[in-house]
Amino acid sequence: MTLQERVEQALDTIRPYLETDGGNVVVEEITPDNVVKLKLLGTCANCSMSIMTFKAGLEQAIKKAVPEIVSVEAINLTDMNDPNAISPM
């Protein structure tokens, strides 16, 4: 299985939860140095909980399933300075 397929498989474990709330995620890129760049879609793109969803869900699922991934980034994550943003403790 390719690196891309393994990352997609990890995301598939989280997607049903995102889809329940009208959201989703796509892999925009996996860089040569094993950084995954994700794009949040639908309601996830502007949800105040997107930081928590990203850190506690997406990033954790990918890193657990694909240990060679060194970093996971969201290209359109809610700004940490947004007063409505909710971040993990």
N, C-alpha and C. Protein backbone atom coordinates (compact mmCIF):
# COMPACT_ATOMS: atom_id res chain seq x y z
N MET A 1 0.85 -1.18 0.00
CA MET A 1 0.00 0.00 0.00
C MET A 1 0.89 1.24 0.00
N THR A 2 0.55 2.24 -0.80
CA THR A 2 1.35 3.46 -0.87
C THR A 2 1.13 4.32 0.37
N LEU A 3 2.01 5.29 0.55
CA LEU A 3 1.88 6.23 1.66
C LEU A 3 0.55 6.97 1.56
N GLN A 4 0.20 7.41 0.36
CA GLN A 4 -1.07 8.12 0.13
C GLN A 4 -2.26 7.24 0.54
N GLU A 5 -2.23 5.98 0.13
CA GLU A 5 -3.33 5.07 0.45
C GLU A 5 -3.43 4.84 1.96
N ARG A 6 -2.31 4.75 2.63
CA ARG A 6 -2.32 4.55 4.08
C ARG A 6 -2.86 5.77 4.82
N VAL A 7 -2.50 6.96 4.33
CA VAL A 7 -3.03 8.20 4.92
C VAL A 7 -4.54 8.27 4.69
N GLU A 8 -4.98 7.96 3.47
CA GLU A 8 -6.42 7.96 3.17
C GLU A 8 -7.17 6.95 4.05
N GLN A 9 -6.57 5.80 4.25
CA GLN A 9 -7.19 4.78 5.09
C GLN A 9 -7.34 5.29 6.53
N ALA A 10 -6.34 5.99 7.03
CA ALA A 10 -6.42 6.58 8.38
C ALA A 10 -7.53 7.63 8.44
N LEU A 11 -7.62 8.45 7.40
CA LEU A 11 -8.66 9.48 7.37
C LEU A 11 -10.05 8.87 7.27
N ASP A 12 -10.16 7.73 6.60
CA ASP A 12 -11.45 7.06 6.47
C ASP A 12 -12.02 6.64 7.83
N THR A 13 -11.17 6.49 8.84
CA THR A 13 -11.68 6.16 10.17
C THR A 13 -12.32 7.36 10.85
N ILE A 14 -11.98 8.57 10.40
CA ILE A 14 -12.49 9.81 10.98
C ILE A 14 -13.62 10.41 10.13
N ARG A 15 -13.60 10.16 8.83
CA ARG A 15 -14.56 10.79 7.92
C ARG A 15 -16.03 10.65 8.32
N PRO A 16 -16.48 9.48 8.79
CA PRO A 16 -17.90 9.39 9.16
C PRO A 16 -18.33 10.44 10.19
N TYR A 17 -17.44 10.77 11.11
CA TYR A 17 -17.74 11.78 12.13
C TYR A 17 -17.80 13.17 11.52
N LEU A 18 -16.90 13.44 10.59
CA LEU A 18 -16.91 14.74 9.91
C LEU A 18 -18.16 14.88 9.05
N GLU A 19 -18.49 13.80 8.32
CA GLU A 19 -19.65 13.83 7.42
C GLU A 19 -20.96 14.00 8.17
N THR A 20 -21.03 13.47 9.38
CA THR A 20 -22.23 13.62 10.21
C THR A 20 -22.55 15.09 10.45
N ASP A 21 -21.50 15.90 10.55
CA ASP A 21 -21.67 17.34 10.79
C ASP A 21 -21.55 18.16 9.52
N GLY A 22 -21.57 17.50 8.35
CA GLY A 22 -21.54 18.22 7.08
C GLY A 22 -20.15 18.62 6.61
N GLY A 23 -19.14 17.93 7.12
CA GLY A 23 -17.77 18.27 6.72
C GLY A 23 -17.06 17.10 6.09
N ASN A 24 -15.81 17.33 5.75
CA ASN A 24 -14.95 16.28 5.21
C ASN A 24 -13.53 16.83 5.16
N VAL A 25 -12.62 16.04 4.65
CA VAL A 25 -11.22 16.44 4.54
C VAL A 25 -10.63 15.76 3.32
N VAL A 26 -9.71 16.46 2.64
CA VAL A 26 -8.98 15.87 1.53
C VAL A 26 -7.49 16.10 1.73
N VAL A 27 -6.71 15.17 1.20
CA VAL A 27 -5.26 15.32 1.23
C VAL A 27 -4.88 16.18 0.04
N GLU A 28 -4.31 17.34 0.30
CA GLU A 28 -3.85 18.23 -0.77
C GLU A 28 -2.48 17.80 -1.27
N GLU A 29 -1.63 17.33 -0.33
CA GLU A 29 -0.26 16.99 -0.71
C GLU A 29 0.40 16.18 0.40
N ILE A 30 1.27 15.30 0.01
CA ILE A 30 2.22 14.69 0.94
C ILE A 30 3.59 15.06 0.39
N THR A 31 4.31 15.87 1.14
CA THR A 31 5.59 16.38 0.66
C THR A 31 6.66 15.29 0.67
N PRO A 32 7.76 15.50 -0.03
CA PRO A 32 8.86 14.52 -0.03
C PRO A 32 9.44 14.24 1.37
N ASP A 33 9.29 15.22 2.28
CA ASP A 33 9.78 15.00 3.64
C ASP A 33 8.67 14.51 4.58
N ASN A 34 7.63 13.90 4.00
CA ASN A 34 6.54 13.23 4.75
C ASN A 34 5.71 14.16 5.62
N VAL A 35 5.37 15.32 5.09
CA VAL A 35 4.43 16.23 5.72
C VAL A 35 3.12 16.13 4.95
N VAL A 36 2.04 15.84 5.67
CA VAL A 36 0.72 15.74 5.04
C VAL A 36 0.04 17.10 5.15
N LYS A 37 -0.46 17.59 4.02
CA LYS A 37 -1.20 18.85 4.00
C LYS A 37 -2.65 18.53 3.67
N LEU A 38 -3.53 18.90 4.60
CA LEU A 38 -4.95 18.60 4.49
C LEU A 38 -5.75 19.87 4.22
N LYS A 39 -6.88 19.69 3.57
CA LYS A 39 -7.84 20.78 3.38
C LYS A 39 -9.15 20.33 3.99
N LEU A 40 -9.66 21.12 4.93
CA LEU A 40 -10.95 20.85 5.54
C LEU A 40 -12.04 21.35 4.60
N LEU A 41 -13.11 20.56 4.47
CA LEU A 41 -14.19 20.88 3.54
C LEU A 41 -15.52 21.03 4.28
N GLY A 42 -16.47 21.68 3.61
CA GLY A 42 -17.81 21.82 4.17
C GLY A 42 -17.80 22.61 5.46
N THR A 43 -18.60 22.16 6.40
CA THR A 43 -18.69 22.88 7.67
C THR A 43 -17.39 22.83 8.47
N CYS A 44 -16.53 21.87 8.21
CA CYS A 44 -15.24 21.78 8.91
C CYS A 44 -14.34 22.96 8.57
N ALA A 45 -14.51 23.53 7.39
CA ALA A 45 -13.63 24.60 6.94
C ALA A 45 -13.77 25.86 7.78
N ASN A 46 -14.95 26.10 8.34
CA ASN A 46 -15.13 27.33 9.12
C ASN A 46 -15.73 27.07 10.50
N CYS A 47 -15.60 25.86 10.97
CA CYS A 47 -16.13 25.50 12.28
C CYS A 47 -15.19 25.98 13.39
N SER A 48 -15.76 26.49 14.47
CA SER A 48 -14.95 26.95 15.58
C SER A 48 -14.21 25.82 16.28
N MET A 49 -14.65 24.58 16.05
CA MET A 49 -14.00 23.42 16.67
C MET A 49 -12.97 22.77 15.74
N SER A 50 -12.69 23.39 14.59
CA SER A 50 -11.81 22.75 13.62
C SER A 50 -10.40 22.52 14.16
N ILE A 51 -9.93 23.38 15.04
CA ILE A 51 -8.60 23.18 15.63
C ILE A 51 -8.59 21.89 16.44
N MET A 52 -9.63 21.70 17.23
CA MET A 52 -9.71 20.49 18.05
C MET A 52 -9.88 19.25 17.17
N THR A 53 -10.75 19.35 16.18
CA THR A 53 -10.96 18.23 15.25
C THR A 53 -9.65 17.85 14.58
N PHE A 54 -8.92 18.86 14.16
CA PHE A 54 -7.66 18.62 13.48
C PHE A 54 -6.64 17.95 14.41
N LYS A 55 -6.38 18.56 15.56
CA LYS A 55 -5.34 18.07 16.47
C LYS A 55 -5.71 16.73 17.11
N ALA A 56 -6.92 16.63 17.65
CA ALA A 56 -7.31 15.43 18.40
C ALA A 56 -7.81 14.31 17.50
N GLY A 57 -8.19 14.63 16.28
CA GLY A 57 -8.75 13.60 15.40
C GLY A 57 -7.87 13.28 14.22
N LEU A 58 -7.79 14.20 13.30
CA LEU A 58 -7.11 13.96 12.03
C LEU A 58 -5.61 13.72 12.20
N GLU A 59 -4.94 14.64 12.87
CA GLU A 59 -3.49 14.51 13.04
C GLU A 59 -3.13 13.24 13.80
N GLN A 60 -3.85 12.98 14.87
CA GLN A 60 -3.57 11.80 15.69
C GLN A 60 -3.81 10.51 14.91
N ALA A 61 -4.90 10.44 14.16
CA ALA A 61 -5.22 9.23 13.39
C ALA A 61 -4.14 8.95 12.34
N ILE A 62 -3.69 10.00 11.66
CA ILE A 62 -2.67 9.81 10.62
C ILE A 62 -1.35 9.37 11.23
N LYS A 63 -0.90 10.07 12.27
CA LYS A 63 0.39 9.74 12.88
C LYS A 63 0.41 8.35 13.51
N LYS A 64 -0.72 7.92 14.03
CA LYS A 64 -0.80 6.59 14.63
C LYS A 64 -0.74 5.50 13.55
N ALA A 65 -1.46 5.72 12.45
CA ALA A 65 -1.55 4.71 11.40
C ALA A 65 -0.34 4.72 10.46
N VAL A 66 0.28 5.88 10.33
CA VAL A 66 1.39 6.03 9.38
C VAL A 66 2.55 6.72 10.12
N PRO A 67 3.32 5.97 10.89
CA PRO A 67 4.34 6.57 11.74
C PRO A 67 5.44 7.34 11.01
N GLU A 68 5.63 7.07 9.73
CA GLU A 68 6.67 7.80 9.01
C GLU A 68 6.26 9.23 8.65
N ILE A 69 5.00 9.58 8.87
CA ILE A 69 4.56 10.96 8.68
C ILE A 69 5.11 11.79 9.84
N VAL A 70 5.84 12.85 9.50
CA VAL A 70 6.49 13.65 10.53
C VAL A 70 5.63 14.82 11.00
N SER A 71 4.70 15.26 10.15
CA SER A 71 3.88 16.40 10.50
C SER A 71 2.60 16.38 9.67
N VAL A 72 1.54 16.93 10.25
CA VAL A 72 0.27 17.07 9.55
C VAL A 72 -0.14 18.52 9.68
N GLU A 73 -0.46 19.14 8.55
CA GLU A 73 -0.84 20.55 8.53
C GLU A 73 -2.18 20.70 7.82
N ALA A 74 -2.98 21.63 8.31
CA ALA A 74 -4.22 21.98 7.63
C ALA A 74 -4.00 23.31 6.94
N ILE A 75 -4.31 23.38 5.66
CA ILE A 75 -4.04 24.61 4.92
C ILE A 75 -5.12 25.66 5.12
N ASN A 76 -6.25 25.29 5.72
CA ASN A 76 -7.33 26.25 5.92
C ASN A 76 -7.96 26.12 7.30
N LEU A 77 -7.15 25.88 8.30
CA LEU A 77 -7.63 25.73 9.67
C LEU A 77 -8.12 27.06 10.22
N THR A 78 -9.12 27.01 11.09
CA THR A 78 -9.60 28.21 11.77
C THR A 78 -8.42 28.91 12.43
N ASP A 79 -8.33 30.21 12.29
CA ASP A 79 -7.24 30.98 12.88
C ASP A 79 -7.26 30.86 14.40
N MET A 80 -6.10 30.56 14.99
CA MET A 80 -5.99 30.42 16.45
C MET A 80 -6.39 31.70 17.17
N ASN A 81 -6.29 32.85 16.49
CA ASN A 81 -6.64 34.13 17.09
C ASN A 81 -8.12 34.45 17.00
N ASP A 82 -8.87 33.61 16.31
CA ASP A 82 -10.30 33.79 16.20
C ASP A 82 -10.91 33.64 17.60
N PRO A 83 -11.64 34.62 18.09
CA PRO A 83 -12.19 34.51 19.45
C PRO A 83 -13.18 33.36 19.62
N ASN A 84 -13.71 32.82 18.53
CA ASN A 84 -14.63 31.71 18.60
C ASN A 84 -13.94 30.35 18.47
N ALA A 85 -12.63 30.36 18.21
CA ALA A 85 -11.89 29.12 18.03
C ALA A 85 -11.80 28.35 19.34
N ILE A 86 -11.94 27.06 19.23
CA ILE A 86 -11.82 26.17 20.39
C ILE A 86 -10.63 25.27 20.15
N SER A 87 -9.65 25.33 21.03
CA SER A 87 -8.45 24.53 20.85
C SER A 87 -8.35 23.47 21.93
N PRO A 88 -7.65 22.38 21.63
CA PRO A 88 -7.49 21.33 22.64
C PRO A 88 -6.60 21.80 23.78
N MET A 89 -6.85 21.25 24.95
CA MET A 89 -6.07 21.66 26.13
C MET A 89 -4.68 21.09 26.08
